Amino acid sequence: MPSFKIDTSTAIVFVAVPAAPKVVNKQTGEIALDRETGAQMMTVGLTVADEGEANLYTVSIPASGIPEGLQVGMPVSVVGLKARDWENEFNGQKRHGISFRAVALVPAQFPAAVQG
């Protein structure tokens, strides 16, 4: 399934939900691993504001891409953000949506215009 790059170069991005292990199976507590590298995956809630609109995205990121000291409210830059659509069937119900994945988060500084 193809993925699509998302350009956040003009956006202001904040951490809205702290990083947590991405759980694959809630019953067993199994944590998701990157299929290519085997790295543990984390999820982070990011508020992305651009062109007068803000949205909350849950983004999957390898644990190695989460900076130490990441806190709610912290401005970040997102490295390699991509979106992918998905569809599955669970208990006879079809579900679909868009998943977001990034390579890493990097602490960012507020632009001078925002600092006031």
PDB file of N, CA and C in Angstrom:
ATOM      1  N   MET A   1       0.847  -1.170   0.000  1.00  0.00           N
ATOM      2  CA  MET A   1       0.000   0.000   0.000  1.00  0.00           C
ATOM      3  C   MET A   1       0.896   1.238   0.000  1.00  0.00           C
ATOM      4  N   PRO A   2       0.646   2.199  -0.877  1.00  0.00           N
ATOM      5  CA  PRO A   2       1.517   3.372  -0.958  1.00  0.00           C
ATOM      6  C   PRO A   2       1.362   4.293   0.252  1.00  0.00           C
ATOM      7  N   SER A   3       2.422   5.034   0.528  1.00  0.00           N
ATOM      8  CA  SER A   3       2.365   6.058   1.566  1.00  0.00           C
ATOM      9  C   SER A   3       2.662   7.400   0.906  1.00  0.00           C
ATOM     10  N   PHE A   4       2.264   8.466   1.584  1.00  0.00           N
ATOM     11  CA  PHE A   4       2.382   9.798   1.025  1.00  0.00           C
ATOM     12  C   PHE A   4       3.132  10.694   1.990  1.00  0.00           C
ATOM     13  N   LYS A   5       4.122  11.443   1.487  1.00  0.00           N
ATOM     14  CA  LYS A   5       4.876  12.374   2.311  1.00  0.00           C
ATOM     15  C   LYS A   5       3.988  13.545   2.704  1.00  0.00           C
ATOM     16  N   ILE A   6       4.169  14.008   3.938  1.00  0.00           N
ATOM     17  CA  ILE A   6       3.438  15.177   4.419  1.00  0.00           C
ATOM     18  C   ILE A   6       4.459  16.266   4.721  1.00  0.00           C
ATOM     19  N   ASP A   7       4.273  17.420   4.111  1.00  0.00           N
ATOM     20  CA  ASP A   7       5.175  18.553   4.294  1.00  0.00           C
ATOM     21  C   ASP A   7       4.726  19.370   5.499  1.00  0.00           C
ATOM     22  N   THR A   8       5.546  19.397   6.532  1.00  0.00           N
ATOM     23  CA  THR A   8       5.230  20.186   7.732  1.00  0.00           C
ATOM     24  C   THR A   8       6.156  21.396   7.854  1.00  0.00           C
ATOM     25  N   SER A   9       6.824  21.758   6.760  1.00  0.00           N
ATOM     26  CA  SER A   9       7.826  22.825   6.822  1.00  0.00           C
ATOM     27  C   SER A   9       7.229  24.183   7.191  1.00  0.00           C
ATOM     28  N   THR A  10       5.956  24.427   6.911  1.00  0.00           N
ATOM     29  CA  THR A  10       5.333  25.699   7.265  1.00  0.00           C
ATOM     30  C   THR A  10       4.429  25.582   8.489  1.00  0.00           C
ATOM     31  N   ALA A  11       4.359  24.403   9.082  1.00  0.00           N
ATOM     32  CA  ALA A  11       3.460  24.159  10.216  1.00  0.00           C
ATOM     33  C   ALA A  11       4.163  24.403  11.546  1.00  0.00           C
ATOM     34  N   ILE A  12       3.353  24.672  12.552  1.00  0.00           N
ATOM     35  CA  ILE A  12       3.822  24.689  13.932  1.00  0.00           C
ATOM     36  C   ILE A  12       3.302  23.397  14.546  1.00  0.00           C
ATOM     37  N   VAL A  13       4.209  22.600  15.112  1.00  0.00           N
ATOM     38  CA  VAL A  13       3.856  21.279  15.627  1.00  0.00           C
ATOM     39  C   VAL A  13       4.200  21.217  17.121  1.00  0.00           C
ATOM     40  N   PHE A  14       3.226  20.784  17.927  1.00  0.00           N
ATOM     41  CA  PHE A  14       3.407  20.642  19.366  1.00  0.00           C
ATOM     42  C   PHE A  14       3.087  19.213  19.784  1.00  0.00           C
ATOM     43  N   VAL A  15       3.735  18.756  20.838  1.00  0.00           N
ATOM     44  CA  VAL A  15       3.383  17.478  21.440  1.00  0.00           C
ATOM     45  C   VAL A  15       2.103  17.695  22.241  1.00  0.00           C
ATOM     46  N   ALA A  16       1.065  16.922  21.943  1.00  0.00           N
ATOM     47  CA  ALA A  16      -0.220  17.039  22.638  1.00  0.00           C
ATOM     48  C   ALA A  16      -0.466  15.860  23.570  1.00  0.00           C
ATOM     49  N   VAL A  17       0.071  14.696  23.226  1.00  0.00           N
ATOM     50  CA  VAL A  17      -0.080  13.482  24.033  1.00  0.00           C
ATOM     51  C   VAL A  17       1.309  12.860  24.148  1.00  0.00           C
ATOM     52  N   PRO A  18       1.767  12.552  25.370  1.00  0.00           N
ATOM     53  CA  PRO A  18       3.132  12.038  25.538  1.00  0.00           C
ATOM     54  C   PRO A  18       3.358  10.707  24.823  1.00  0.00           C
ATOM     55  N   ALA A  19       4.635  10.449  24.544  1.00  0.00           N
ATOM     56  CA  ALA A  19       5.025   9.205  23.877  1.00  0.00           C
ATOM     57  C   ALA A  19       4.701   8.007  24.767  1.00  0.00           C
ATOM     58  N   ALA A  20       4.198   6.952  24.118  1.00  0.00           N
ATOM     59  CA  ALA A  20       3.872   5.704  24.817  1.00  0.00           C
ATOM     60  C   ALA A  20       4.140   4.549  23.854  1.00  0.00           C
ATOM     61  N   PRO A  21       4.474   3.370  24.387  1.00  0.00           N
ATOM     62  CA  PRO A  21       4.674   2.218  23.508  1.00  0.00           C
ATOM     63  C   PRO A  21       3.413   1.943  22.683  1.00  0.00           C
ATOM     64  N   LYS A  22       3.626   1.589  21.427  1.00  0.00           N
ATOM     65  CA  LYS A  22       2.504   1.258  20.540  1.00  0.00           C
ATOM     66  C   LYS A  22       2.124  -0.206  20.796  1.00  0.00           C
ATOM     67  N   VAL A  23       0.937  -0.414  21.323  1.00  0.00           N
ATOM     68  CA  VAL A  23       0.479  -1.757  21.669  1.00  0.00           C
ATOM     69  C   VAL A  23      -0.242  -2.372  20.468  1.00  0.00           C
ATOM     70  N   VAL A  24       0.192  -3.560  20.076  1.00  0.00           N
ATOM     71  CA  VAL A  24      -0.421  -4.270  18.961  1.00  0.00           C
ATOM     72  C   VAL A  24      -1.632  -5.072  19.430  1.00  0.00           C
ATOM     73  N   ASN A  25      -1.480  -5.701  20.595  1.00  0.00           N
ATOM     74  CA  ASN A  25      -2.532  -6.554  21.131  1.00  0.00           C
ATOM     75  C   ASN A  25      -2.780  -6.173  22.588  1.00  0.00           C
ATOM     76  N   LYS A  26      -3.933  -5.574  22.852  1.00  0.00           N
ATOM     77  CA  LYS A  26      -4.247  -5.111  24.207  1.00  0.00           C
ATOM     78  C   LYS A  26      -4.389  -6.261  25.200  1.00  0.00           C
ATOM     79  N   GLN A  27      -4.803  -7.420  24.724  1.00  0.00           N
ATOM     80  CA  GLN A  27      -4.973  -8.571  25.617  1.00  0.00           C
ATOM     81  C   GLN A  27      -3.639  -9.124  26.096  1.00  0.00           C
ATOM     82  N   THR A  28      -2.649  -9.170  25.206  1.00  0.00           N
ATOM     83  CA  THR A  28      -1.344  -9.733  25.573  1.00  0.00           C
ATOM     84  C   THR A  28      -0.331  -8.659  25.953  1.00  0.00           C
ATOM     85  N   GLY A  29      -0.620  -7.403  25.598  1.00  0.00           N
ATOM     86  CA  GLY A  29       0.317  -6.319  25.873  1.00  0.00           C
ATOM     87  C   GLY A  29       1.470  -6.269  24.883  1.00  0.00           C
ATOM     88  N   GLU A  30       1.361  -7.006  23.786  1.00  0.00           N
ATOM     89  CA  GLU A  30       2.426  -7.050  22.781  1.00  0.00           C
ATOM     90  C   GLU A  30       2.681  -5.659  22.212  1.00  0.00           C
ATOM     91  N   ILE A  31       3.953  -5.260  22.182  1.00  0.00           N
ATOM     92  CA  ILE A  31       4.365  -3.961  21.672  1.00  0.00           C
ATOM     93  C   ILE A  31       4.750  -4.101  20.197  1.00  0.00           C
ATOM     94  N   ALA A  32       4.360  -3.115  19.400  1.00  0.00           N
ATOM     95  CA  ALA A  32       4.665  -3.118  17.968  1.00  0.00           C
ATOM     96  C   ALA A  32       6.160  -2.944  17.742  1.00  0.00           C
ATOM     97  N   LEU A  33       6.665  -3.652  16.743  1.00  0.00           N
ATOM     98  CA  LEU A  33       8.056  -3.536  16.325  1.00  0.00           C
ATOM     99  C   LEU A  33       8.096  -3.109  14.870  1.00  0.00           C
ATOM    100  N   ASP A  34       9.085  -2.303  14.527  1.00  0.00           N
ATOM    101  CA  ASP A  34       9.283  -1.883  13.142  1.00  0.00           C
ATOM    102  C   ASP A  34       9.599  -3.113  12.314  1.00  0.00           C
ATOM    103  N   ARG A  35       8.901  -3.292  11.213  1.00  0.00           N
ATOM    104  CA  ARG A  35       9.082  -4.499  10.388  1.00  0.00           C
ATOM    105  C   ARG A  35      10.453  -4.558   9.741  1.00  0.00           C
ATOM    106  N   GLU A  36      11.060  -3.398   9.471  1.00  0.00           N
ATOM    107  CA  GLU A  36      12.360  -3.385   8.802  1.00  0.00           C
ATOM    108  C   GLU A  36      13.524  -3.486   9.781  1.00  0.00           C
ATOM    109  N   THR A  37      13.444  -2.779  10.907  1.00  0.00           N
ATOM    110  CA  THR A  37      14.590  -2.696  11.818  1.00  0.00           C
ATOM    111  C   THR A  37      14.414  -3.492  13.102  1.00  0.00           C
ATOM    112  N   GLY A  38      13.173  -3.855  13.436  1.00  0.00           N
ATOM    113  CA  GLY A  38      12.907  -4.551  14.683  1.00  0.00           C
ATOM    114  C   GLY A  38      12.837  -3.625  15.885  1.00  0.00           C
ATOM    115  N   ALA A  39      12.949  -2.305  15.657  1.00  0.00           N
ATOM    116  CA  ALA A  39      12.908  -1.331  16.756  1.00  0.00           C
ATOM    117  C   ALA A  39      11.508  -1.250  17.354  1.00  0.00           C
ATOM    118  N   GLN A  40      11.453  -1.006  18.670  1.00  0.00           N
ATOM    119  CA  GLN A  40      10.163  -0.806  19.340  1.00  0.00           C
ATOM    120  C   GLN A  40       9.524   0.470  18.806  1.00  0.00           C
ATOM    121  N   MET A  41       8.211   0.419  18.579  1.00  0.00           N
ATOM    122  CA  MET A  41       7.480   1.578  18.071  1.00  0.00           C
ATOM    123  C   MET A  41       6.758   2.288  19.217  1.00  0.00           C
ATOM    124  N   MET A  42       6.672   3.585  19.097  1.00  0.00           N
ATOM    125  CA  MET A  42       5.990   4.437  20.064  1.00  0.00           C
ATOM    126  C   MET A  42       4.902   5.214  19.322  1.00  0.00           C
ATOM    127  N   THR A  43       3.933   5.730  20.072  1.00  0.00           N
ATOM    128  CA  THR A  43       2.962   6.652  19.494  1.00  0.00           C
ATOM    129  C   THR A  43       3.045   7.967  20.258  1.00  0.00           C
ATOM    130  N   VAL A  44       2.862   9.055  19.527  1.00  0.00           N
ATOM    131  CA  VAL A  44       2.877  10.400  20.094  1.00  0.00           C
ATOM    132  C   VAL A  44       1.725  11.170  19.463  1.00  0.00           C
ATOM    133  N   GLY A  45       0.979  11.911  20.269  1.00  0.00           N
ATOM    134  CA  GLY A  45      -0.077  12.767  19.746  1.00  0.00           C
ATOM    135  C   GLY A  45       0.508  14.124  19.420  1.00  0.00           C
ATOM    136  N   LEU A  46       0.381  14.555  18.179  1.00  0.00           N
ATOM    137  CA  LEU A  46       0.928  15.834  17.734  1.00  0.00           C
ATOM    138  C   LEU A  46      -0.192  16.752  17.251  1.00  0.00           C
ATOM    139  N   THR A  47      -0.150  18.003  17.681  1.00  0.00           N
ATOM    140  CA  THR A  47      -1.034  19.024  17.132  1.00  0.00           C
ATOM    141  C   THR A  47      -0.257  19.722  16.031  1.00  0.00           C
ATOM    142  N   VAL A  48      -0.814  19.701  14.822  1.00  0.00           N
ATOM    143  CA  VAL A  48      -0.169  20.315  13.667  1.00  0.00           C
ATOM    144  C   VAL A  48      -1.040  21.486  13.225  1.00  0.00           C
ATOM    145  N   ALA A  49      -0.491  22.698  13.327  1.00  0.00           N
ATOM    146  CA  ALA A  49      -1.225  23.908  12.959  1.00  0.00           C
ATOM    147  C   ALA A  49      -0.584  24.538  11.726  1.00  0.00           C
ATOM    148  N   ASP A  50      -1.404  24.787  10.717  1.00  0.00           N
ATOM    149  CA  ASP A  50      -0.909  25.379   9.477  1.00  0.00           C
ATOM    150  C   ASP A  50      -2.075  26.014   8.738  1.00  0.00           C
ATOM    151  N   GLU A  51      -1.832  27.161   8.162  1.00  0.00           N
ATOM    152  CA  GLU A  51      -2.828  27.868   7.349  1.00  0.00           C
ATOM    153  C   GLU A  51      -4.152  28.046   8.081  1.00  0.00           C
ATOM    154  N   GLY A  52      -4.092  28.419   9.373  1.00  0.00           N
ATOM    155  CA  GLY A  52      -5.294  28.716  10.139  1.00  0.00           C
ATOM    156  C   GLY A  52      -6.092  27.514  10.593  1.00  0.00           C
ATOM    157  N   GLU A  53      -5.521  26.333  10.490  1.00  0.00           N
ATOM    158  CA  GLU A  53      -6.216  25.107  10.885  1.00  0.00           C
ATOM    159  C   GLU A  53      -5.281  24.246  11.716  1.00  0.00           C
ATOM    160  N   ALA A  54      -5.825  23.606  12.754  1.00  0.00           N
ATOM    161  CA  ALA A  54      -5.009  22.715  13.583  1.00  0.00           C
ATOM    162  C   ALA A  54      -5.696  21.368  13.700  1.00  0.00           C
ATOM    163  N   ASN A  55      -4.899  20.300  13.680  1.00  0.00           N
ATOM    164  CA  ASN A  55      -5.422  18.944  13.798  1.00  0.00           C
ATOM    165  C   ASN A  55      -4.532  18.143  14.730  1.00  0.00           C
ATOM    166  N   LEU A  56      -5.132  17.153  15.388  1.00  0.00           N
ATOM    167  CA  LEU A  56      -4.393  16.242  16.247  1.00  0.00           C
ATOM    168  C   LEU A  56      -4.165  14.945  15.480  1.00  0.00           C
ATOM    169  N   TYR A  57      -2.905  14.513  15.418  1.00  0.00           N
ATOM    170  CA  TYR A  57      -2.555  13.277  14.746  1.00  0.00           C
ATOM    171  C   TYR A  57      -1.826  12.363  15.729  1.00  0.00           C
ATOM    172  N   THR A  58      -2.160  11.091  15.719  1.00  0.00           N
ATOM    173  CA  THR A  58      -1.405  10.097  16.467  1.00  0.00           C
ATOM    174  C   THR A  58      -0.384   9.532  15.492  1.00  0.00           C
ATOM    175  N   VAL A  59       0.890   9.702  15.816  1.00  0.00           N
ATOM    176  CA  VAL A  59       1.972   9.345  14.906  1.00  0.00           C
ATOM    177  C   VAL A  59       2.809   8.221  15.520  1.00  0.00           C
ATOM    178  N   SER A  60       3.096   7.201  14.731  1.00  0.00           N
ATOM    179  CA  SER A  60       3.981   6.109  15.152  1.00  0.00           C
ATOM    180  C   SER A  60       5.415   6.492  14.803  1.00  0.00           C
ATOM    181  N   ILE A  61       6.320   6.280  15.780  1.00  0.00           N
ATOM    182  CA  ILE A  61       7.719   6.653  15.605  1.00  0.00           C
ATOM    183  C   ILE A  61       8.575   5.594  16.297  1.00  0.00           C
ATOM    184  N   PRO A  62       9.687   5.170  15.671  1.00  0.00           N
ATOM    185  CA  PRO A  62      10.582   4.246  16.381  1.00  0.00           C
ATOM    186  C   PRO A  62      11.071   4.894  17.681  1.00  0.00           C
ATOM    187  N   ALA A  63      11.246   4.093  18.728  1.00  0.00           N
ATOM    188  CA  ALA A  63      11.674   4.620  20.031  1.00  0.00           C
ATOM    189  C   ALA A  63      12.963   5.430  19.910  1.00  0.00           C
ATOM    190  N   SER A  64      13.848   5.034  19.009  1.00  0.00           N
ATOM    191  CA  SER A  64      15.116   5.754  18.828  1.00  0.00           C
ATOM    192  C   SER A  64      14.903   7.158  18.253  1.00  0.00           C
ATOM    193  N   GLY A  65      13.733   7.427  17.703  1.00  0.00           N
ATOM    194  CA  GLY A  65      13.432   8.735  17.123  1.00  0.00           C
ATOM    195  C   GLY A  65      12.725   9.684  18.072  1.00  0.00           C
ATOM    196  N   ILE A  66      12.539   9.254  19.327  1.00  0.00           N
ATOM    197  CA  ILE A  66      11.885  10.089  20.337  1.00  0.00           C
ATOM    198  C   ILE A  66      12.991  10.766  21.159  1.00  0.00           C
ATOM    199  N   PRO A  67      13.056  12.104  21.142  1.00  0.00           N
ATOM    200  CA  PRO A  67      14.117  12.767  21.909  1.00  0.00           C
ATOM    201  C   PRO A  67      13.892  12.642  23.414  1.00  0.00           C
ATOM    202  N   GLU A  68      14.974  12.576  24.145  1.00  0.00           N
ATOM    203  CA  GLU A  68      14.895  12.517  25.610  1.00  0.00           C
ATOM    204  C   GLU A  68      14.303  13.828  26.125  1.00  0.00           C
ATOM    205  N   GLY A  69      13.453  13.721  27.127  1.00  0.00           N
ATOM    206  CA  GLY A  69      12.863  14.912  27.728  1.00  0.00           C
ATOM    207  C   GLY A  69      11.651  15.447  26.989  1.00  0.00           C
ATOM    208  N   LEU A  70      11.128  14.682  26.036  1.00  0.00           N
ATOM    209  CA  LEU A  70       9.942  15.111  25.284  1.00  0.00           C
ATOM    210  C   LEU A  70       8.772  15.304  26.251  1.00  0.00           C
ATOM    211  N   GLN A  71       8.124  16.478  26.178  1.00  0.00           N
ATOM    212  CA  GLN A  71       7.029  16.793  27.082  1.00  0.00           C
ATOM    213  C   GLN A  71       5.847  17.379  26.330  1.00  0.00           C
ATOM    214  N   VAL A  72       4.674  17.252  26.922  1.00  0.00           N
ATOM    215  CA  VAL A  72       3.471  17.856  26.355  1.00  0.00           C
ATOM    216  C   VAL A  72       3.676  19.360  26.277  1.00  0.00           C
ATOM    217  N   GLY A  73       3.288  19.937  25.147  1.00  0.00           N
ATOM    218  CA  GLY A  73       3.422  21.374  24.921  1.00  0.00           C
ATOM    219  C   GLY A  73       4.703  21.765  24.219  1.00  0.00           C
ATOM    220  N   MET A  74       5.639  20.828  24.121  1.00  0.00           N
ATOM    221  CA  MET A  74       6.932  21.116  23.498  1.00  0.00           C
ATOM    222  C   MET A  74       6.776  21.251  21.985  1.00  0.00           C
ATOM    223  N   PRO A  75       7.350  22.321  21.388  1.00  0.00           N
ATOM    224  CA  PRO A  75       7.347  22.409  19.931  1.00  0.00           C
ATOM    225  C   PRO A  75       8.374  21.442  19.354  1.00  0.00           C
ATOM    226  N   VAL A  76       8.017  20.783  18.269  1.00  0.00           N
ATOM    227  CA  VAL A  76       8.912  19.811  17.628  1.00  0.00           C
ATOM    228  C   VAL A  76       8.862  19.977  16.118  1.00  0.00           C
ATOM    229  N   SER A  77       9.902  19.487  15.477  1.00  0.00           N
ATOM    230  CA  SER A  77       9.910  19.308  14.025  1.00  0.00           C
ATOM    231  C   SER A  77       9.751  17.816  13.779  1.00  0.00           C
ATOM    232  N   VAL A  78       9.017  17.471  12.747  1.00  0.00           N
ATOM    233  CA  VAL A  78       8.758  16.068  12.431  1.00  0.00           C
ATOM    234  C   VAL A  78       9.610  15.677  11.230  1.00  0.00           C
ATOM    235  N   VAL A  79      10.390  14.629  11.386  1.00  0.00           N
ATOM    236  CA  VAL A  79      11.259  14.148  10.315  1.00  0.00           C
ATOM    237  C   VAL A  79      10.579  12.984   9.606  1.00  0.00           C
ATOM    238  N   GLY A  80      10.419  13.108   8.290  1.00  0.00           N
ATOM    239  CA  GLY A  80       9.920  12.000   7.473  1.00  0.00           C
ATOM    240  C   GLY A  80       8.489  11.590   7.748  1.00  0.00           C
ATOM    241  N   LEU A  81       7.594  12.551   7.938  1.00  0.00           N
ATOM    242  CA  LEU A  81       6.187  12.222   8.204  1.00  0.00           C
ATOM    243  C   LEU A  81       5.512  11.708   6.938  1.00  0.00           C
ATOM    244  N   LYS A  82       4.851  10.565   7.076  1.00  0.00           N
ATOM    245  CA  LYS A  82       4.114   9.960   5.962  1.00  0.00           C
ATOM    246  C   LYS A  82       2.740   9.510   6.435  1.00  0.00           C
ATOM    247  N   ALA A  83       1.800   9.474   5.496  1.00  0.00           N
ATOM    248  CA  ALA A  83       0.444   8.986   5.767  1.00  0.00           C
ATOM    249  C   ALA A  83       0.187   7.776   4.882  1.00  0.00           C
ATOM    250  N   ARG A  84      -0.583   6.841   5.427  1.00  0.00           N
ATOM    251  CA  ARG A  84      -0.942   5.631   4.676  1.00  0.00           C
ATOM    252  C   ARG A  84      -2.376   5.275   5.025  1.00  0.00           C
ATOM    253  N   ASP A  85      -3.175   4.971   4.015  1.00  0.00           N
ATOM    254  CA  ASP A  85      -4.547   4.546   4.311  1.00  0.00           C
ATOM    255  C   ASP A  85      -4.542   3.052   4.629  1.00  0.00           C
ATOM    256  N   TRP A  86      -5.510   2.633   5.447  1.00  0.00           N
ATOM    257  CA  TRP A  86      -5.596   1.230   5.841  1.00  0.00           C
ATOM    258  C   TRP A  86      -7.066   0.815   5.892  1.00  0.00           C
ATOM    259  N   GLU A  87      -7.244  -0.487   5.784  1.00  0.00           N
ATOM    260  CA  GLU A  87      -8.585  -1.066   5.882  1.00  0.00           C
ATOM    261  C   GLU A  87      -8.433  -2.479   6.421  1.00  0.00           C
ATOM    262  N   ASN A  88      -9.323  -2.867   7.347  1.00  0.00           N
ATOM    263  CA  ASN A  88      -9.318  -4.245   7.836  1.00  0.00           C
ATOM    264  C   ASN A  88     -10.725  -4.630   8.267  1.00  0.00           C
ATOM    265  N   GLU A  89     -10.883  -5.894   8.545  1.00  0.00           N
ATOM    266  CA  GLU A  89     -12.169  -6.399   9.018  1.00  0.00           C
ATOM    267  C   GLU A  89     -11.942  -7.044  10.377  1.00  0.00           C
ATOM    268  N   PHE A  90     -12.761  -6.646  11.360  1.00  0.00           N
ATOM    269  CA  PHE A  90     -12.639  -7.160  12.710  1.00  0.00           C
ATOM    270  C   PHE A  90     -14.031  -7.481  13.222  1.00  0.00           C
ATOM    271  N   ASN A  91     -14.252  -8.726  13.617  1.00  0.00           N
ATOM    272  CA  ASN A  91     -15.577  -9.173  14.083  1.00  0.00           C
ATOM    273  C   ASN A  91     -16.677  -8.853  13.075  1.00  0.00           C
ATOM    274  N   GLY A  92     -16.369  -9.042  11.810  1.00  0.00           N
ATOM    275  CA  GLY A  92     -17.367  -8.837  10.769  1.00  0.00           C
ATOM    276  C   GLY A  92     -17.611  -7.384  10.391  1.00  0.00           C
ATOM    277  N   GLN A  93     -16.886  -6.454  10.990  1.00  0.00           N
ATOM    278  CA  GLN A  93     -17.059  -5.039  10.652  1.00  0.00           C
ATOM    279  C   GLN A  93     -15.832  -4.526   9.923  1.00  0.00           C
ATOM    280  N   LYS A  94     -16.087  -3.856   8.796  1.00  0.00           N
ATOM    281  CA  LYS A  94     -14.988  -3.248   8.056  1.00  0.00           C
ATOM    282  C   LYS A  94     -14.648  -1.917   8.704  1.00  0.00           C
ATOM    283  N   ARG A  95     -13.339  -1.702   8.868  1.00  0.00           N
ATOM    284  CA  ARG A  95     -12.851  -0.443   9.422  1.00  0.00           C
ATOM    285  C   ARG A  95     -11.796   0.111   8.473  1.00  0.00           C
ATOM    286  N   HIS A  96     -11.679   1.410   8.470  1.00  0.00           N
ATOM    287  CA  HIS A  96     -10.669   2.032   7.616  1.00  0.00           C
ATOM    288  C   HIS A  96     -10.242   3.361   8.222  1.00  0.00           C
ATOM    289  N   GLY A  97      -9.111   3.847   7.779  1.00  0.00           N
ATOM    290  CA  GLY A  97      -8.617   5.116   8.283  1.00  0.00           C
ATOM    291  C   GLY A  97      -7.283   5.459   7.658  1.00  0.00           C
ATOM    292  N   ILE A  98      -6.603   6.404   8.284  1.00  0.00           N
ATOM    293  CA  ILE A  98      -5.287   6.839   7.833  1.00  0.00           C
ATOM    294  C   ILE A  98      -4.336   6.720   9.017  1.00  0.00           C
ATOM    295  N   SER A  99      -3.188   6.102   8.801  1.00  0.00           N
ATOM    296  CA  SER A  99      -2.178   6.014   9.846  1.00  0.00           C
ATOM    297  C   SER A  99      -1.033   6.952   9.487  1.00  0.00           C
ATOM    298  N   PHE A 100      -0.369   7.458  10.521  1.00  0.00           N
ATOM    299  CA  PHE A 100       0.733   8.399  10.338  1.00  0.00           C
ATOM    300  C   PHE A 100       1.982   7.822  10.974  1.00  0.00           C
ATOM    301  N   ARG A 101       3.094   8.012  10.296  1.00  0.00           N
ATOM    302  CA  ARG A 101       4.374   7.477  10.775  1.00  0.00           C
ATOM    303  C   ARG A 101       5.463   8.489  10.459  1.00  0.00           C
ATOM    304  N   ALA A 102       6.416   8.604  11.365  1.00  0.00           N
ATOM    305  CA  ALA A 102       7.556   9.492  11.146  1.00  0.00           C
ATOM    306  C   ALA A 102       8.836   8.769  11.525  1.00  0.00           C
ATOM    307  N   VAL A 103       9.940   9.286  11.053  1.00  0.00           N
ATOM    308  CA  VAL A 103      11.248   8.735  11.375  1.00  0.00           C
ATOM    309  C   VAL A 103      11.685   9.206  12.759  1.00  0.00           C
ATOM    310  N   ALA A 104      11.436  10.498  13.058  1.00  0.00           N
ATOM    311  CA  ALA A 104      11.893  11.061  14.334  1.00  0.00           C
ATOM    312  C   ALA A 104      11.207  12.385  14.614  1.00  0.00           C
ATOM    313  N   LEU A 105      11.308  12.800  15.880  1.00  0.00           N
ATOM    314  CA  LEU A 105      10.921  14.144  16.309  1.00  0.00           C
ATOM    315  C   LEU A 105      12.191  14.847  16.760  1.00  0.00           C
ATOM    316  N   VAL A 106      12.261  16.150  16.489  1.00  0.00           N
ATOM    317  CA  VAL A 106      13.407  16.956  16.896  1.00  0.00           C
ATOM    318  C   VAL A 106      12.865  18.171  17.633  1.00  0.00           C
ATOM    319  N   PRO A 107      13.385  18.473  18.837  1.00  0.00           N
ATOM    320  CA  PRO A 107      12.927  19.676  19.537  1.00  0.00           C
ATOM    321  C   PRO A 107      13.103  20.900  18.643  1.00  0.00           C
ATOM    322  N   ALA A 108      12.117  21.779  18.645  1.00  0.00           N
ATOM    323  CA  ALA A 108      12.143  22.973  17.791  1.00  0.00           C
ATOM    324  C   ALA A 108      11.994  24.214  18.647  1.00  0.00           C
ATOM    325  N   GLN A 109      12.393  25.319  18.087  1.00  0.00           N
ATOM    326  CA  GLN A 109      12.224  26.610  18.733  1.00  0.00           C
ATOM    327  C   GLN A 109      11.017  27.302  18.122  1.00  0.00           C
ATOM    328  N   PHE A 110      10.327  28.120  18.928  1.00  0.00           N
ATOM    329  CA  PHE A 110       9.236  28.919  18.387  1.00  0.00           C
ATOM    330  C   PHE A 110       9.815  29.906  17.375  1.00  0.00           C
ATOM    331  N   PRO A 111       9.087  30.139  16.265  1.00  0.00           N
ATOM    332  CA  PRO A 111       9.515  31.215  15.360  1.00  0.00           C
ATOM    333  C   PRO A 111       9.427  32.542  16.119  1.00  0.00           C
ATOM    334  N   ALA A 112      10.255  33.512  15.755  1.00  0.00           N
ATOM    335  CA  ALA A 112      10.283  34.803  16.441  1.00  0.00           C
ATOM    336  C   ALA A 112       8.927  35.471  16.469  1.00  0.00           C
ATOM    337  N   ALA A 113       8.118  35.315  15.404  1.00  0.00           N
ATOM    338  CA  ALA A 113       6.790  35.938  15.340  1.00  0.00           C
ATOM    339  C   ALA A 113       5.849  35.359  16.382  1.00  0.00           C
ATOM    340  N   VAL A 114       6.039  34.103  16.769  1.00  0.00           N
ATOM    341  CA  VAL A 114       5.165  33.455  17.746  1.00  0.00           C
ATOM    342  C   VAL A 114       5.584  33.810  19.167  1.00  0.00           C
ATOM    343  N   GLN A 115       6.900  34.009  19.381  1.00  0.00           N
ATOM    344  CA  GLN A 115       7.401  34.294  20.713  1.00  0.00           C
ATOM    345  C   GLN A 115       6.895  35.633  21.253  1.00  0.00           C
ATOM    346  N   GLY A 116       6.611  36.556  20.359  1.00  0.00           N
ATOM    347  CA  GLY A 116       6.034  37.839  20.755  1.00  0.00           C
ATOM    348  C   GLY A 116       7.036  38.716  21.348  1.00  0.00           C
TER     349      GLY A 116
END
